[in-house]
């Protein structure tokens, strides 16, 4: 029996970042499970196949995986030059372009166009898995519109407060997905003719079948002490200066700290850099640092499961994070910064505590509270409640319905 459901092209613009690759495979799996035909266009075909094999979907007859190759620069520049001349009334891009290293909409359009010559089916819609690093100027998106007229949408993980990006004026864009309910409502009010959807910020919780070397090493080094985990991309938002100050205050006989993830030095504050230099010169015995990206999320999850508390007191972090989902998945309390979205969710569900992002004394007191047996017992039902509301099933339902509604709206608009 031939696949007969709607056809979508899922475009993954970057690879090599675990969280994004994980979401890409997850969204592809949702659509296959719902009976859609999926053309997956990705720079790392092998990575996607491995992830879909784990889900039992790599050999699905409704799936076609295609690689995208780097486009020749001369070709891209020639096409862009034509579009700029076509829209010469528009202001030309500045020599001091703050978005010079952003992803180019034209490359998105050209890769989709090239893929359409190889696809088994004609897609009815395109979905872009990562809109955050695209150029936002009008000229770039006019270049896209000149080539790609297929209805399309995407997900923006860190949206602006207002829809000022030029792609919101693209005639073929029917909407966008966000991880923040309040932003979604704001955009609906600002652009009532577009469709916007809130998606719960979920996380994968699979564990490796055998203990990893790094997990066994951590367990041996911790020596039964209470373990505090900080992980992910370690940049300016991770609040390293306060993290290291907390380690300095904590009793090394009781507490052990884990820092797992690649450090982005260019995004750290001067205070972070100074604090990090002091630590690297005189490494505390109760701190383990793995300064590299863990490509297997199962190992990342394994380390979280070994921990007692998750530290997420990030600096000026106003957006969603999957760390509360990790906490709930493994019944581990989480410590976050108060006032922002993550703090609101954690306190609302009661799965941890929120403290001021600069108050190390309150961080230390909160850690002591979070590892009390009675505190953990009280959280068990709260973790379950969070898991239900931020489940893979809830995400799948919202995402698939969003696409169905978007396609139906396009049909109504044409009739």
Protein backbone atom coordinates (compact mmCIF):
# COMPACT_ATOMS: atom_id res chain seq x y z
CA UNK A 1 0.00 0.00 0.00
CA UNK A 2 1.43 3.35 -1.05
CA UNK A 3 1.65 6.19 1.47
CA UNK A 4 -1.26 8.59 0.95
CA UNK A 5 -1.12 11.15 3.78
CA UNK A 6 -0.15 14.81 3.39
CA UNK A 7 3.44 15.41 2.30
CA UNK A 8 5.83 17.73 4.15
CA UNK A 9 9.46 18.67 3.62
CA UNK A 10 11.23 19.05 6.98
CA UNK A 11 14.32 21.22 6.53
CA UNK A 12 17.10 21.02 9.12
CA UNK A 13 19.45 24.00 8.51
CA UNK A 14 22.27 22.96 10.87
CA UNK A 15 23.54 19.80 12.52
CA UNK A 16 26.04 18.85 15.19
CA UNK A 17 24.05 20.37 18.06
CA UNK A 18 22.39 17.62 20.10
CA UNK A 19 19.27 19.47 21.17
CA UNK A 20 18.44 20.61 17.64
CA UNK A 21 19.22 17.26 16.00
CA UNK A 22 17.07 15.58 18.63
CA UNK A 23 14.11 17.85 17.88
CA UNK A 24 14.53 17.31 14.15
CA UNK A 25 14.30 13.52 14.53
CA UNK A 26 11.42 13.90 16.96
CA UNK A 27 9.33 16.06 14.60
CA UNK A 28 10.00 13.72 11.68
CA UNK A 29 8.88 10.78 13.84
CA UNK A 30 5.67 12.60 14.86
CA UNK A 31 4.67 13.10 11.26
CA UNK A 32 5.46 9.53 10.22
CA UNK A 33 3.41 8.21 13.14
CA UNK A 34 0.49 10.38 12.02
CA UNK A 35 0.61 8.94 8.49
CA UNK A 36 2.29 11.87 6.74
CA UNK A 37 4.81 11.41 3.95
CA UNK A 38 8.03 13.08 5.06
CA UNK A 39 10.92 14.37 3.00
CA UNK A 40 13.71 15.09 5.49
CA UNK A 41 16.35 17.48 4.13
CA UNK A 42 19.33 17.57 6.47
CA UNK A 43 23.12 18.15 6.38
CA UNK A 44 23.80 14.96 8.40
CA UNK A 45 21.84 12.06 6.93
CA UNK A 46 23.62 9.45 9.07
CA UNK A 47 22.77 11.21 12.33
CA UNK A 48 19.08 11.38 11.44
CA UNK A 49 19.03 7.72 10.37
CA UNK A 50 20.59 6.63 13.67
CA UNK A 51 18.03 8.62 15.67
CA UNK A 52 15.12 7.28 13.61
CA UNK A 53 16.48 3.73 13.88
CA UNK A 54 16.26 4.10 17.66
CA UNK A 55 12.57 4.96 17.15
CA UNK A 56 12.00 2.07 14.71
CA UNK A 57 11.19 4.43 11.84
CA UNK A 58 14.32 4.60 9.66
CA UNK A 59 12.93 2.08 7.13
CA UNK A 60 9.45 3.63 6.95
CA UNK A 61 8.06 3.70 3.38
CA UNK A 62 6.64 7.18 4.01
CA UNK A 63 10.12 8.63 4.59
CA UNK A 64 12.69 9.99 2.17
CA UNK A 65 15.92 11.40 3.63
CA UNK A 66 17.97 13.71 1.42
CA UNK A 67 21.27 15.46 2.17
CA UNK A 68 21.89 19.08 1.35
CA UNK A 69 25.33 20.03 0.15
CA UNK A 70 27.08 23.36 0.58
CA UNK A 71 26.06 25.55 -2.33
CA UNK A 72 28.75 27.10 -4.49
CA UNK A 73 29.38 30.62 -3.20
CA UNK A 74 29.67 32.05 -6.72
CA UNK A 75 26.25 30.67 -7.62
CA UNK A 76 24.61 32.01 -4.46
CA UNK A 77 26.21 35.42 -4.91
CA UNK A 78 25.11 35.57 -8.56
CA UNK A 79 21.50 34.80 -7.65
CA UNK A 80 21.57 37.25 -4.75
CA UNK A 81 22.97 39.94 -7.04
CA UNK A 82 20.06 39.49 -9.42
CA UNK A 83 17.56 39.78 -6.58
CA UNK A 84 19.25 42.90 -5.21
CA UNK A 85 19.05 44.52 -8.62
CA UNK A 86 15.42 43.48 -8.88
CA UNK A 87 14.72 45.16 -5.54
CA UNK A 88 17.18 48.01 -5.97
CA UNK A 89 14.77 50.43 -4.33
CA UNK A 90 15.44 48.61 -1.07
CA UNK A 91 18.25 49.82 1.17
CA UNK A 92 21.43 47.87 0.47
CA UNK A 93 23.03 45.81 3.22
CA UNK A 94 25.49 47.70 5.38
CA UNK A 95 29.23 47.11 5.17
CA UNK A 96 29.15 46.67 8.95
CA UNK A 97 26.51 43.97 8.81
CA UNK A 98 25.64 42.57 12.28
CA UNK A 99 24.01 39.54 10.61
CA UNK A 100 26.91 38.76 8.25
CA UNK A 101 27.37 35.28 9.73
CA UNK A 102 23.67 34.45 9.96
CA UNK A 103 22.03 31.75 7.83
CA UNK A 104 20.94 32.98 4.40
CA UNK A 105 17.29 32.62 3.34
CA UNK A 106 18.46 32.25 -0.27
CA UNK A 107 20.37 29.07 0.58
CA UNK A 108 17.23 27.72 2.25
CA UNK A 109 15.24 28.38 -0.93
CA UNK A 110 17.88 26.95 -3.29
CA UNK A 111 18.31 23.76 -1.26
CA UNK A 112 14.55 23.18 -1.24
CA UNK A 113 14.42 23.84 -5.00
CA UNK A 114 17.24 21.35 -5.63
CA UNK A 115 15.61 18.74 -3.38
CA UNK A 116 12.32 18.97 -5.29
CA UNK A 117 14.08 17.48 -8.31
CA UNK A 118 14.87 14.35 -6.28
CA UNK A 119 11.75 13.86 -4.16
CA UNK A 120 9.35 10.94 -4.47
CA UNK A 121 6.41 13.19 -3.69
CA UNK A 122 5.49 16.84 -4.10
CA UNK A 123 5.42 18.47 -0.65
CA UNK A 124 2.42 20.56 0.30
CA UNK A 125 4.32 22.43 3.00
CA UNK A 126 7.88 23.08 4.21
CA UNK A 127 8.86 23.24 7.89
CA UNK A 128 12.17 24.82 8.98
CA UNK A 129 13.54 23.35 12.21
CA UNK A 130 15.59 26.37 13.33
CA UNK A 131 14.66 29.94 12.42
CA UNK A 132 16.73 31.66 15.12
CA UNK A 133 19.93 32.18 13.12
CA UNK A 134 18.44 33.48 9.87
CA UNK A 135 19.01 36.94 8.50
CA UNK A 136 16.06 39.21 9.20
CA UNK A 137 16.41 41.94 6.51
CA UNK A 138 13.86 42.45 3.73
CA UNK A 139 16.29 42.01 0.83
CA UNK A 140 17.32 38.54 1.99
CA UNK A 141 13.73 37.35 2.32
CA UNK A 142 12.73 38.87 -1.00
CA UNK A 143 15.47 36.66 -2.47
CA UNK A 144 13.82 33.68 -0.80
CA UNK A 145 10.33 34.63 -2.02
CA UNK A 146 11.57 34.99 -5.59
CA UNK A 147 12.48 31.28 -5.63
CA UNK A 148 10.30 29.45 -3.09
CA UNK A 149 6.53 29.82 -3.18
CA UNK A 150 5.65 26.66 -1.25
CA UNK A 151 3.70 27.29 1.96
CA UNK A 152 6.15 27.15 4.83
CA UNK A 153 6.53 27.53 8.56
CA UNK A 154 9.15 26.92 11.23
CA UNK A 155 10.05 27.00 14.89
CA UNK A 156 11.71 29.91 16.65
CA UNK A 157 13.25 28.90 19.97
CA UNK A 158 14.18 32.43 21.10
CA UNK A 159 11.63 34.84 19.58
CA UNK A 160 11.77 38.60 19.81
CA UNK A 161 9.10 40.43 21.76
CA UNK A 162 7.62 41.74 18.50
CA UNK A 163 7.49 40.21 14.98
CA UNK A 164 9.92 42.61 13.31
CA UNK A 165 11.77 40.05 11.15
CA UNK A 166 11.13 40.38 7.42
CA UNK A 167 10.16 36.73 7.03
CA UNK A 168 6.87 37.46 8.77
CA UNK A 169 5.99 39.48 5.65
CA UNK A 170 6.76 36.56 3.33
CA UNK A 171 3.54 35.77 1.42
CA UNK A 172 4.22 32.03 1.58
CA UNK A 173 4.80 31.93 5.38
CA UNK A 174 1.62 30.77 7.09
CA UNK A 175 2.89 30.90 10.68
CA UNK A 176 5.48 30.07 13.31
CA UNK A 177 5.82 27.90 16.44
CA UNK A 178 7.15 29.09 19.82
CA UNK A 179 7.90 27.58 23.23
CA UNK A 180 6.43 30.51 25.18
CA UNK A 181 2.65 30.89 25.57
CA UNK A 182 2.72 34.64 26.19
CA UNK A 183 4.85 35.37 23.08
CA UNK A 184 2.46 33.27 21.04
CA UNK A 185 -0.50 35.38 22.19
CA UNK A 186 1.37 38.62 21.41
CA UNK A 187 2.14 37.49 17.86
CA UNK A 188 -1.44 36.38 17.26
CA UNK A 189 -2.58 39.87 18.20
CA UNK A 190 0.06 41.56 16.02
CA UNK A 191 -0.35 39.36 12.93
CA UNK A 192 -3.91 37.97 12.95
CA UNK A 193 -3.61 36.66 9.38
CA UNK A 194 -0.75 34.34 10.33
CA UNK A 195 -1.04 31.19 12.47
CA UNK A 196 1.03 30.88 15.65
CA UNK A 197 1.25 27.87 17.93
CA UNK A 198 2.65 27.26 21.39
CA UNK A 199 4.61 24.01 21.72
CA UNK A 200 5.59 22.56 25.12
CA UNK A 201 9.36 22.47 25.65
CA UNK A 202 9.88 18.74 25.99
CA UNK A 203 12.99 16.64 26.26
CA UNK A 204 14.20 13.19 25.36
CA UNK A 205 14.69 10.96 28.43
CA UNK A 206 16.19 7.76 26.97
CA UNK A 207 19.16 6.25 28.78
CA UNK A 208 22.06 4.15 27.44
CA UNK A 209 21.75 0.37 27.68
CA UNK A 210 25.16 0.16 29.40
CA UNK A 211 26.82 2.60 31.83
CA UNK A 212 29.10 5.02 29.99
CA UNK A 213 32.75 5.56 30.90
CA UNK A 214 32.14 9.18 31.86
CA UNK A 215 29.24 8.27 34.15
CA UNK A 216 31.30 5.61 35.92
CA UNK A 217 34.14 8.10 36.37
CA UNK A 218 31.77 10.71 37.85
CA UNK A 219 30.28 8.17 40.23
CA UNK A 220 33.73 7.20 41.46
CA UNK A 221 34.81 10.83 41.93
CA UNK A 222 31.61 11.87 43.71
CA UNK A 223 32.17 9.29 46.49
CA UNK A 224 28.57 9.41 47.62
CA UNK A 225 28.42 13.21 47.95
CA UNK A 226 25.35 15.18 46.87
CA UNK A 227 25.89 16.04 43.22
CA UNK A 228 24.89 19.30 41.50
CA UNK A 229 24.68 19.37 37.69
CA UNK A 230 25.22 22.27 35.27
CA UNK A 231 25.12 21.27 31.62
CA UNK A 232 24.51 22.19 28.01
CA UNK A 233 26.17 24.92 26.01
CA UNK A 234 28.25 26.86 28.57
CA UNK A 235 27.98 30.51 27.57
CA UNK A 236 27.32 33.87 29.18
CA UNK A 237 23.80 32.92 30.18
CA UNK A 238 24.97 30.04 32.36
CA UNK A 239 26.12 32.47 35.09
CA UNK A 240 29.55 30.90 35.58
CA UNK A 241 30.81 33.54 38.04
CA UNK A 242 28.01 32.71 40.50
CA UNK A 243 28.31 28.97 39.80
CA UNK A 244 31.99 29.00 40.76
CA UNK A 245 31.26 31.19 43.79
CA UNK A 246 28.66 28.65 44.92
CA UNK A 247 31.20 25.83 44.60
CA UNK A 248 33.65 27.83 46.71
CA UNK A 249 31.05 28.30 49.48
CA UNK A 250 29.82 24.70 49.54
CA UNK A 251 31.23 22.10 51.92
CA UNK A 252 33.48 19.87 49.74
CA UNK A 253 32.90 16.95 52.09
CA UNK A 254 29.16 17.04 51.28
CA UNK A 255 28.85 18.51 47.78
CA UNK A 256 30.19 17.51 44.37
CA UNK A 257 29.66 19.64 41.25
CA UNK A 258 29.45 18.67 37.57
CA UNK A 259 29.95 21.02 34.62
CA UNK A 260 29.17 19.24 31.35
CA UNK A 261 29.33 21.01 27.99
CA UNK A 262 31.34 23.01 25.51
CA UNK A 263 32.45 26.42 26.81
CA UNK A 264 31.86 29.38 24.48
CA UNK A 265 34.48 31.81 25.75
CA UNK A 266 33.46 34.65 23.43
CA UNK A 267 30.05 34.89 25.12
CA UNK A 268 31.29 34.94 28.72
CA UNK A 269 31.35 38.15 30.74
CA UNK A 270 34.68 39.50 32.05
CA UNK A 271 33.59 38.37 35.52
CA UNK A 272 32.87 34.86 34.21
CA UNK A 273 36.25 34.69 32.47
CA UNK A 274 38.13 35.81 35.59
CA UNK A 275 36.25 33.31 37.77
CA UNK A 276 36.89 30.51 35.27
CA UNK A 277 40.60 31.31 35.08
CA UNK A 278 40.90 31.08 38.87
CA UNK A 279 39.16 27.71 38.87
CA UNK A 280 41.24 26.31 36.00
CA UNK A 281 44.45 27.39 37.74
CA UNK A 282 43.42 25.77 41.04
CA UNK A 283 40.78 23.13 40.28
CA UNK A 284 38.60 22.32 43.32
CA UNK A 285 38.61 18.61 44.24
CA UNK A 286 34.80 18.61 44.32
CA UNK A 287 34.35 19.87 40.73
CA UNK A 288 34.38 17.75 37.57
CA UNK A 289 34.46 19.57 34.22
CA UNK A 290 33.87 17.91 30.86
CA UNK A 291 34.43 20.91 28.51
CA UNK A 292 33.04 19.31 25.38
CA UNK A 293 29.74 18.62 23.67
CA UNK A 294 28.26 15.18 24.41
CA UNK A 295 26.94 13.94 21.05
CA UNK A 296 24.78 11.23 22.64
CA UNK A 297 21.88 12.71 24.59
CA UNK A 298 21.43 9.37 26.34
CA UNK A 299 24.78 9.90 28.08
CA UNK A 300 23.76 13.46 28.98
CA UNK A 301 20.59 12.02 30.54
CA UNK A 302 22.58 9.37 32.36
CA UNK A 303 24.69 12.05 34.06
CA UNK A 304 21.57 13.97 35.07
CA UNK A 305 20.14 10.80 36.59
CA UNK A 306 23.33 10.44 38.67
CA UNK A 307 22.86 13.98 40.03
CA UNK A 308 20.83 15.15 43.02
CA UNK A 309 20.05 18.73 41.93
CA UNK A 310 20.07 20.51 38.57
CA UNK A 311 21.55 24.02 38.62
CA UNK A 312 19.88 26.38 36.14
CA UNK A 313 20.21 29.80 37.84
CA UNK A 314 20.96 31.36 34.49
CA UNK A 315 21.76 35.02 33.93
CA UNK A 316 19.07 37.21 32.32
CA UNK A 317 17.51 34.07 30.86
CA UNK A 318 14.00 35.04 29.80
CA UNK A 319 13.16 32.16 27.48
CA UNK A 320 12.10 28.54 27.71
CA UNK A 321 14.51 25.72 28.53
CA UNK A 322 14.22 21.95 28.49
CA UNK A 323 16.08 21.67 31.81
CA UNK A 324 12.87 21.63 33.91
CA UNK A 325 11.77 18.80 31.61
CA UNK A 326 15.01 16.94 32.37
CA UNK A 327 14.41 17.51 36.08
CA UNK A 328 10.86 16.16 35.89
CA UNK A 329 11.87 13.21 33.69
CA UNK A 330 14.32 11.95 36.30
CA UNK A 331 12.60 13.20 39.48
CA UNK A 332 15.45 15.60 40.22
CA UNK A 333 14.73 19.01 41.82
CA UNK A 334 15.95 22.03 39.89
CA UNK A 335 17.28 25.40 41.07
CA UNK A 336 16.51 28.30 38.71
CA UNK A 337 16.50 32.10 38.57
CA UNK A 338 13.33 33.77 39.74
CA UNK A 339 11.12 36.20 37.77
CA UNK A 340 11.65 34.80 34.26
CA UNK A 341 9.71 32.14 32.34
CA UNK A 342 11.68 29.19 33.71
CA UNK A 343 11.31 30.49 37.26
CA UNK A 344 7.57 30.90 36.78
CA UNK A 345 7.17 27.35 35.49
CA UNK A 346 9.33 25.76 38.19
CA UNK A 347 7.56 27.54 41.06
CA UNK A 348 4.12 27.03 39.51
CA UNK A 349 4.61 23.28 39.26
CA UNK A 350 6.64 23.05 42.47
CA UNK A 351 9.50 21.01 40.99
CA UNK A 352 12.30 23.10 42.50
CA UNK A 353 13.14 26.52 43.84
CA UNK A 354 13.80 29.94 42.29
CA UNK A 355 16.33 32.41 43.69
CA UNK A 356 17.82 35.75 42.55
CA UNK A 357 20.44 35.10 39.88
CA UNK A 358 23.17 37.05 41.75
CA UNK A 359 22.54 35.81 45.30
CA UNK A 360 24.98 32.98 46.00
CA UNK A 361 23.94 32.71 49.65
CA UNK A 362 20.33 32.00 48.62
CA UNK A 363 21.57 29.47 46.07
CA UNK A 364 23.46 27.62 48.78
CA UNK A 365 20.48 27.67 51.16
CA UNK A 366 18.20 26.41 48.37
CA UNK A 367 20.54 23.49 47.62
CA UNK A 368 20.40 22.42 51.25
CA UNK A 369 16.61 22.56 51.17
CA UNK A 370 16.25 20.68 47.89
CA UNK A 371 18.11 17.58 49.06
CA UNK A 372 16.00 17.06 52.19
CA UNK A 373 14.10 13.78 52.04
CA UNK A 374 10.76 15.37 52.90
CA UNK A 375 11.20 17.98 50.14
CA UNK A 376 11.88 15.30 47.52
CA UNK A 377 8.89 13.23 48.69
CA UNK A 378 6.59 16.24 48.26
CA UNK A 379 7.76 16.74 44.67
CA UNK A 380 6.95 13.29 43.29
CA UNK A 381 3.40 14.13 42.21
CA UNK A 382 4.55 17.55 40.97
CA UNK A 383 7.16 15.97 38.71
CA UNK A 384 4.41 13.74 37.27
CA UNK A 385 2.18 16.76 36.62
CA UNK A 386 4.98 18.57 34.78
CA UNK A 387 5.76 15.46 32.71
CA UNK A 388 2.10 15.23 31.66
CA UNK A 389 1.87 18.86 30.51
CA UNK A 390 5.30 18.84 28.82
CA UNK A 391 5.09 15.36 27.36
CA UNK A 392 6.07 14.15 23.92
CA UNK A 393 2.41 13.26 23.35
CA UNK A 394 1.31 16.82 24.14
CA UNK A 395 3.93 18.23 21.77
CA UNK A 396 2.97 15.81 18.99
CA UNK A 397 -0.71 16.69 19.29
CA UNK A 398 -0.09 20.44 19.13
CA UNK A 399 2.46 20.27 16.32
CA UNK A 400 0.47 18.02 13.99
CA UNK A 401 -2.77 19.94 14.57
CA UNK A 402 -0.93 23.19 13.86
CA UNK A 403 0.25 21.91 10.48
CA UNK A 404 -3.21 20.55 9.62
CA UNK A 405 -4.81 23.87 10.50
CA UNK A 406 -2.18 25.74 8.49
CA UNK A 407 -2.82 23.63 5.40
CA UNK A 408 -6.58 24.01 5.79
CA UNK A 409 -6.20 27.77 6.13
CA UNK A 410 -4.17 27.92 2.91
CA UNK A 411 -6.92 26.00 1.11
CA UNK A 412 -9.58 28.41 2.44
CA UNK A 413 -7.48 31.42 1.42
CA UNK A 414 -7.25 30.14 -2.16
CA UNK A 415 -10.98 29.36 -2.43
